Amino acid sequence: MALKNLLLFLVVSALDAICILLGSFMGHGIPSIGLFAGAIIGGIVGVAAAVWLAVRLHLLDRASYSATFLGGLVGFILAAVIAVKNLHGPLIPMASVGLIGLGAILGKAVSRNPAA
């Protein structure tokens, strides 16, 4: 189980980082807010694609998709806030991508615990 969680973390973090980067590249051509809008759209699409891929790779049950997606989305929002506040250097924005994978793992864990 720990190996599946590690792979889920890596898949979600890596794929979402790529989608954020591609989204910001695509949005760069739009004046003023294009870069940030592209990164946000890329991040949301990236979380959805990464969680879908995790289901296809059997790292995640289909029943856990929604909770894992929401957890990854919350992690993405936290990562975006941290990255925007620390744009003066590349280390913190790159490290904050790990929050997306962590959020996905927490979402998966929440989905396995039924409400009392």
N, C-alpha and C. Protein backbone atom coordinates (compact mmCIF):
# COMPACT_ATOMS: atom_id res chain seq x y z
N MET A 1 0.82 -1.19 0.00
CA MET A 1 0.00 0.00 0.00
C MET A 1 0.86 1.26 0.00
N ALA A 2 1.96 1.23 0.71
CA ALA A 2 2.85 2.40 0.76
C ALA A 2 3.47 2.67 -0.61
N LEU A 3 3.76 1.61 -1.37
CA LEU A 3 4.33 1.79 -2.70
C LEU A 3 3.31 2.43 -3.64
N LYS A 4 2.05 2.01 -3.54
CA LYS A 4 1.00 2.63 -4.36
C LYS A 4 0.83 4.10 -4.03
N ASN A 5 0.91 4.43 -2.76
CA ASN A 5 0.79 5.84 -2.35
C ASN A 5 1.98 6.66 -2.86
N LEU A 6 3.16 6.09 -2.81
CA LEU A 6 4.34 6.77 -3.33
C LEU A 6 4.21 7.00 -4.84
N LEU A 7 3.77 5.97 -5.55
CA LEU A 7 3.58 6.11 -6.99
C LEU A 7 2.48 7.11 -7.31
N LEU A 8 1.41 7.11 -6.52
CA LEU A 8 0.34 8.09 -6.70
C LEU A 8 0.88 9.50 -6.51
N PHE A 9 1.67 9.69 -5.47
CA PHE A 9 2.29 11.00 -5.21
C PHE A 9 3.14 11.44 -6.39
N LEU A 10 3.97 10.54 -6.90
CA LEU A 10 4.87 10.88 -8.00
C LEU A 10 4.10 11.17 -9.29
N VAL A 11 3.10 10.35 -9.59
CA VAL A 11 2.32 10.54 -10.82
C VAL A 11 1.57 11.86 -10.77
N VAL A 12 0.88 12.12 -9.66
CA VAL A 12 0.08 13.35 -9.56
C VAL A 12 0.99 14.58 -9.56
N SER A 13 2.05 14.56 -8.79
CA SER A 13 2.94 15.72 -8.72
C SER A 13 3.62 15.99 -10.06
N ALA A 14 4.16 14.96 -10.68
CA ALA A 14 4.90 15.15 -11.93
C ALA A 14 3.99 15.56 -13.08
N LEU A 15 2.88 14.86 -13.25
CA LEU A 15 1.99 15.18 -14.36
C LEU A 15 1.37 16.56 -14.19
N ASP A 16 1.04 16.91 -12.97
CA ASP A 16 0.45 18.23 -12.75
C ASP A 16 1.50 19.33 -12.95
N ALA A 17 2.73 19.09 -12.56
CA ALA A 17 3.78 20.09 -12.79
C ALA A 17 3.97 20.33 -14.28
N ILE A 18 3.92 19.27 -15.07
CA ILE A 18 4.05 19.41 -16.52
C ILE A 18 2.87 20.19 -17.09
N CYS A 19 1.66 19.89 -16.62
CA CYS A 19 0.48 20.60 -17.12
C CYS A 19 0.48 22.07 -16.70
N ILE A 20 0.94 22.36 -15.51
CA ILE A 20 1.05 23.76 -15.06
C ILE A 20 2.04 24.50 -15.96
N LEU A 21 3.16 23.88 -16.23
CA LEU A 21 4.17 24.50 -17.07
C LEU A 21 3.64 24.74 -18.49
N LEU A 22 3.00 23.73 -19.07
CA LEU A 22 2.44 23.88 -20.41
C LEU A 22 1.34 24.94 -20.44
N GLY A 23 0.50 24.96 -19.42
CA GLY A 23 -0.55 25.97 -19.35
C GLY A 23 -0.01 27.37 -19.25
N SER A 24 1.05 27.54 -18.48
CA SER A 24 1.63 28.88 -18.38
C SER A 24 2.32 29.29 -19.68
N PHE A 25 2.92 28.31 -20.38
CA PHE A 25 3.50 28.62 -21.69
C PHE A 25 2.42 29.06 -22.67
N MET A 26 1.30 28.36 -22.67
CA MET A 26 0.22 28.69 -23.60
C MET A 26 -0.43 30.02 -23.25
N GLY A 27 -0.54 30.33 -21.98
CA GLY A 27 -1.16 31.58 -21.55
C GLY A 27 -0.25 32.78 -21.63
N HIS A 28 1.04 32.55 -21.85
CA HIS A 28 2.01 33.63 -21.87
C HIS A 28 1.72 34.66 -22.96
N GLY A 29 1.12 34.23 -24.05
CA GLY A 29 0.84 35.15 -25.15
C GLY A 29 -0.29 36.13 -24.87
N ILE A 30 -1.09 35.86 -23.85
CA ILE A 30 -2.20 36.74 -23.50
C ILE A 30 -1.68 37.79 -22.52
N PRO A 31 -1.90 39.07 -22.82
CA PRO A 31 -1.37 40.12 -21.94
C PRO A 31 -1.95 40.07 -20.52
N SER A 32 -1.22 40.55 -19.60
CA SER A 32 -1.49 40.74 -18.17
C SER A 32 -1.71 39.44 -17.41
N ILE A 33 -2.85 38.79 -17.47
CA ILE A 33 -3.12 37.64 -16.60
C ILE A 33 -2.98 36.30 -17.29
N GLY A 34 -2.56 36.27 -18.54
CA GLY A 34 -2.50 35.03 -19.30
C GLY A 34 -1.62 33.97 -18.70
N LEU A 35 -0.47 34.37 -18.20
CA LEU A 35 0.47 33.42 -17.62
C LEU A 35 -0.15 32.70 -16.42
N PHE A 36 -0.76 33.46 -15.52
CA PHE A 36 -1.36 32.87 -14.32
C PHE A 36 -2.63 32.09 -14.65
N ALA A 37 -3.44 32.61 -15.57
CA ALA A 37 -4.66 31.90 -15.96
C ALA A 37 -4.32 30.57 -16.62
N GLY A 38 -3.31 30.58 -17.47
CA GLY A 38 -2.88 29.34 -18.11
C GLY A 38 -2.36 28.33 -17.11
N ALA A 39 -1.62 28.80 -16.13
CA ALA A 39 -1.10 27.90 -15.10
C ALA A 39 -2.23 27.31 -14.26
N ILE A 40 -3.22 28.11 -13.94
CA ILE A 40 -4.35 27.62 -13.14
C ILE A 40 -5.16 26.59 -13.92
N ILE A 41 -5.46 26.90 -15.18
CA ILE A 41 -6.21 25.95 -16.00
C ILE A 41 -5.39 24.67 -16.20
N GLY A 42 -4.10 24.82 -16.47
CA GLY A 42 -3.23 23.66 -16.61
C GLY A 42 -3.16 22.83 -15.35
N GLY A 43 -3.16 23.48 -14.19
CA GLY A 43 -3.12 22.76 -12.92
C GLY A 43 -4.37 21.96 -12.65
N ILE A 44 -5.51 22.54 -12.94
CA ILE A 44 -6.78 21.83 -12.73
C ILE A 44 -6.89 20.64 -13.68
N VAL A 45 -6.57 20.88 -14.95
CA VAL A 45 -6.59 19.79 -15.93
C VAL A 45 -5.57 18.72 -15.55
N GLY A 46 -4.42 19.16 -15.06
CA GLY A 46 -3.38 18.22 -14.67
C GLY A 46 -3.78 17.32 -13.51
N VAL A 47 -4.47 17.88 -12.53
CA VAL A 47 -4.94 17.06 -11.40
C VAL A 47 -5.94 16.03 -11.91
N ALA A 48 -6.87 16.46 -12.73
CA ALA A 48 -7.88 15.53 -13.26
C ALA A 48 -7.22 14.43 -14.10
N ALA A 49 -6.28 14.81 -14.96
CA ALA A 49 -5.61 13.82 -15.81
C ALA A 49 -4.75 12.86 -14.98
N ALA A 50 -4.08 13.38 -13.97
CA ALA A 50 -3.21 12.54 -13.14
C ALA A 50 -4.03 11.54 -12.32
N VAL A 51 -5.15 11.98 -11.79
CA VAL A 51 -5.99 11.07 -11.00
C VAL A 51 -6.62 10.02 -11.93
N TRP A 52 -7.03 10.44 -13.12
CA TRP A 52 -7.55 9.49 -14.11
C TRP A 52 -6.49 8.45 -14.45
N LEU A 53 -5.25 8.91 -14.68
CA LEU A 53 -4.16 8.00 -14.99
C LEU A 53 -3.89 7.05 -13.83
N ALA A 54 -3.99 7.55 -12.61
CA ALA A 54 -3.78 6.69 -11.43
C ALA A 54 -4.83 5.59 -11.36
N VAL A 55 -6.06 5.89 -11.75
CA VAL A 55 -7.10 4.86 -11.79
C VAL A 55 -6.75 3.84 -12.86
N ARG A 56 -6.31 4.30 -14.03
CA ARG A 56 -5.95 3.40 -15.13
C ARG A 56 -4.76 2.51 -14.77
N LEU A 57 -3.85 3.03 -13.96
CA LEU A 57 -2.67 2.26 -13.54
C LEU A 57 -2.94 1.41 -12.31
N HIS A 58 -4.18 1.41 -11.83
CA HIS A 58 -4.62 0.65 -10.65
C HIS A 58 -3.89 1.08 -9.38
N LEU A 59 -3.54 2.35 -9.32
CA LEU A 59 -2.99 2.90 -8.09
C LEU A 59 -4.10 3.40 -7.18
N LEU A 60 -5.30 3.43 -7.72
CA LEU A 60 -6.44 4.06 -7.06
C LEU A 60 -7.71 3.34 -7.50
N ASP A 61 -8.65 3.16 -6.57
CA ASP A 61 -9.96 2.59 -6.91
C ASP A 61 -10.81 3.65 -7.58
N ARG A 62 -11.69 3.21 -8.48
CA ARG A 62 -12.59 4.17 -9.13
C ARG A 62 -13.46 4.91 -8.12
N ALA A 63 -13.83 4.25 -7.04
CA ALA A 63 -14.68 4.87 -6.02
C ALA A 63 -13.96 6.01 -5.30
N SER A 64 -12.64 6.01 -5.32
CA SER A 64 -11.86 7.04 -4.65
C SER A 64 -11.50 8.21 -5.55
N TYR A 65 -11.95 8.18 -6.81
CA TYR A 65 -11.57 9.21 -7.77
C TYR A 65 -11.95 10.61 -7.30
N SER A 66 -13.20 10.80 -6.92
CA SER A 66 -13.68 12.14 -6.56
C SER A 66 -12.93 12.72 -5.37
N ALA A 67 -12.79 11.93 -4.33
CA ALA A 67 -12.11 12.41 -3.13
C ALA A 67 -10.63 12.69 -3.41
N THR A 68 -10.01 11.84 -4.22
CA THR A 68 -8.61 12.06 -4.57
C THR A 68 -8.45 13.30 -5.43
N PHE A 69 -9.38 13.51 -6.37
CA PHE A 69 -9.35 14.71 -7.20
C PHE A 69 -9.51 15.96 -6.35
N LEU A 70 -10.47 15.94 -5.42
CA LEU A 70 -10.67 17.10 -4.55
C LEU A 70 -9.46 17.36 -3.66
N GLY A 71 -8.86 16.30 -3.14
CA GLY A 71 -7.65 16.45 -2.33
C GLY A 71 -6.51 17.03 -3.14
N GLY A 72 -6.34 16.55 -4.38
CA GLY A 72 -5.31 17.10 -5.26
C GLY A 72 -5.58 18.55 -5.62
N LEU A 73 -6.86 18.88 -5.80
CA LEU A 73 -7.24 20.25 -6.12
C LEU A 73 -6.94 21.20 -4.95
N VAL A 74 -7.23 20.75 -3.74
CA VAL A 74 -6.90 21.57 -2.56
C VAL A 74 -5.38 21.73 -2.45
N GLY A 75 -4.65 20.64 -2.69
CA GLY A 75 -3.19 20.74 -2.69
C GLY A 75 -2.68 21.69 -3.77
N PHE A 76 -3.33 21.68 -4.93
CA PHE A 76 -2.95 22.61 -6.00
C PHE A 76 -3.20 24.05 -5.60
N ILE A 77 -4.32 24.31 -4.96
CA ILE A 77 -4.62 25.68 -4.52
C ILE A 77 -3.58 26.15 -3.51
N LEU A 78 -3.24 25.31 -2.55
CA LEU A 78 -2.20 25.66 -1.58
C LEU A 78 -0.85 25.88 -2.27
N ALA A 79 -0.51 25.01 -3.21
CA ALA A 79 0.75 25.15 -3.92
C ALA A 79 0.78 26.44 -4.73
N ALA A 80 -0.35 26.78 -5.35
CA ALA A 80 -0.41 28.01 -6.15
C ALA A 80 -0.22 29.24 -5.27
N VAL A 81 -0.86 29.25 -4.12
CA VAL A 81 -0.72 30.40 -3.22
C VAL A 81 0.73 30.53 -2.75
N ILE A 82 1.34 29.43 -2.37
CA ILE A 82 2.73 29.46 -1.90
C ILE A 82 3.66 29.88 -3.04
N ALA A 83 3.43 29.34 -4.23
CA ALA A 83 4.30 29.66 -5.36
C ALA A 83 4.20 31.14 -5.74
N VAL A 84 3.00 31.68 -5.76
CA VAL A 84 2.83 33.09 -6.14
C VAL A 84 3.47 34.02 -5.10
N LYS A 85 3.40 33.66 -3.83
CA LYS A 85 4.00 34.48 -2.78
C LYS A 85 5.53 34.40 -2.78
N ASN A 86 6.09 33.41 -3.45
CA ASN A 86 7.55 33.19 -3.42
C ASN A 86 8.14 33.11 -4.82
N LEU A 87 7.76 34.02 -5.68
CA LEU A 87 8.25 34.00 -7.06
C LEU A 87 9.67 34.54 -7.22
N HIS A 88 10.25 35.05 -6.16
CA HIS A 88 11.60 35.61 -6.25
C HIS A 88 12.68 34.54 -6.43
N GLY A 89 12.37 33.31 -6.20
CA GLY A 89 13.32 32.22 -6.39
C GLY A 89 12.61 30.98 -6.89
N PRO A 90 13.31 30.07 -7.55
CA PRO A 90 12.65 28.90 -8.14
C PRO A 90 12.43 27.73 -7.18
N LEU A 91 13.14 27.67 -6.07
CA LEU A 91 13.11 26.49 -5.21
C LEU A 91 11.75 26.27 -4.55
N ILE A 92 11.19 27.28 -3.94
CA ILE A 92 9.92 27.12 -3.22
C ILE A 92 8.76 26.82 -4.18
N PRO A 93 8.63 27.53 -5.31
CA PRO A 93 7.56 27.15 -6.24
C PRO A 93 7.68 25.71 -6.75
N MET A 94 8.90 25.25 -7.01
CA MET A 94 9.07 23.87 -7.47
C MET A 94 8.73 22.88 -6.36
N ALA A 95 9.14 23.18 -5.14
CA ALA A 95 8.86 22.28 -4.03
C ALA A 95 7.38 22.25 -3.67
N SER A 96 6.67 23.34 -3.91
CA SER A 96 5.25 23.39 -3.55
C SER A 96 4.41 22.44 -4.40
N VAL A 97 4.94 21.99 -5.52
CA VAL A 97 4.22 21.02 -6.35
C VAL A 97 3.97 19.72 -5.57
N GLY A 98 4.83 19.42 -4.63
CA GLY A 98 4.63 18.24 -3.80
C GLY A 98 3.36 18.28 -2.99
N LEU A 99 2.85 19.47 -2.72
CA LEU A 99 1.58 19.58 -1.99
C LEU A 99 0.41 19.00 -2.79
N ILE A 100 0.52 19.03 -4.11
CA ILE A 100 -0.54 18.49 -4.94
C ILE A 100 -0.62 16.98 -4.76
N GLY A 101 0.52 16.31 -4.82
CA GLY A 101 0.54 14.87 -4.60
C GLY A 101 0.14 14.50 -3.19
N LEU A 102 0.56 15.30 -2.22
CA LEU A 102 0.18 15.05 -0.83
C LEU A 102 -1.33 15.20 -0.65
N GLY A 103 -1.91 16.22 -1.29
CA GLY A 103 -3.36 16.40 -1.22
C GLY A 103 -4.10 15.22 -1.83
N ALA A 104 -3.58 14.68 -2.92
CA ALA A 104 -4.20 13.52 -3.55
C ALA A 104 -4.16 12.30 -2.63
N ILE A 105 -3.03 12.11 -1.97
CA ILE A 105 -2.93 10.97 -1.04
C ILE A 105 -3.88 11.15 0.14
N LEU A 106 -3.99 12.37 0.66
CA LEU A 106 -4.92 12.61 1.76
C LEU A 106 -6.36 12.42 1.31
N GLY A 107 -6.68 12.85 0.09
CA GLY A 107 -8.02 12.62 -0.44
C GLY A 107 -8.32 11.14 -0.57
N LYS A 108 -7.35 10.36 -1.01
CA LYS A 108 -7.52 8.91 -1.11
C LYS A 108 -7.75 8.30 0.27
N ALA A 109 -7.00 8.77 1.25
CA ALA A 109 -7.15 8.25 2.62
C ALA A 109 -8.51 8.58 3.20
N VAL A 110 -8.99 9.78 2.93
CA VAL A 110 -10.30 10.19 3.44
C VAL A 110 -11.40 9.34 2.80
N SER A 111 -11.24 9.02 1.51
CA SER A 111 -12.27 8.25 0.83
C SER A 111 -12.37 6.82 1.36
N ARG A 112 -11.32 6.32 1.94
CA ARG A 112 -11.34 4.96 2.48
C ARG A 112 -11.97 4.88 3.87
N ASN A 113 -12.03 6.00 4.59
CA ASN A 113 -12.61 6.01 5.93
C ASN A 113 -14.06 6.43 5.85
N PRO A 114 -14.99 5.50 6.05
CA PRO A 114 -16.40 5.87 5.99
C PRO A 114 -16.77 6.77 7.18
N ALA A 115 -17.71 7.67 6.96
CA ALA A 115 -18.15 8.57 8.01
C ALA A 115 -18.87 7.78 9.10
N ALA A 116 -18.67 8.19 10.33
CA ALA A 116 -19.29 7.47 11.46
C ALA A 116 -20.71 7.88 11.66
